[in-house]
C-alpha cells in the first residue's frame, strides 16, 4: 500500500494512473490511502482526477464525492472521455448524472454520443427516466450510435421490467 501511495504522488502521469487503478482494485483494503486520494483530487497539478475519483469510490463507496468531482470535470476536454469511462464503470451508482449525460446525445461528436449511450446503458433501470431522450436519438445519423441506443433501450427496459416483476 505504501508503494502505491508513493506511485500516485509521482509527477509522472502514467505512474499516477497505474497507482490509482491499483488502489481502486484493492477496494476497501486500501482504506488507509483514501485521505491521500481525496486530497490529490483537489490538487491543481494532479492530472489523474477522474481515475482518483473512481478509485475513491471503489475504496470508500463514497458516491456523492465521486460524482461531484466527475460532474465538475465532465465538460473539460482534458478529462471528458475518462470521466465517461468512470461513469460507465460505476453503472447504476452514476444515475444522478444520467440527465446531464442524456443532454450530450445532442453533441455533434459521434464518439461522445457513443460513450454517453454506453454509460446510460450501464446504469440499467436507474436510467429509465432518460428513455425518452434515447428514443428521440434513435435515428442518429451514425449507425454505431443508433445501434448502441437500441441496445441501451433494451438494457434499460429489461432492467426496469425485472425491477417491477422479478418472476
Foldseek 3Di string as FASTA:
>chain_A
DVVLLVQLPDLDLVSVLVSLVVLLVCAQVNVVCLVVLLVLLPDPSRLCNLSSLLSNCRHPVPLVSSLVSLVVCCPPPSCNVSSLVSLLVVALSNLVCLVVLLVCCPPPDPVSLLSSLSSLLSNALSNVVSLVSLVVCCVPPDPNSNVSSVSSNVRNVVSNVCVVPVD
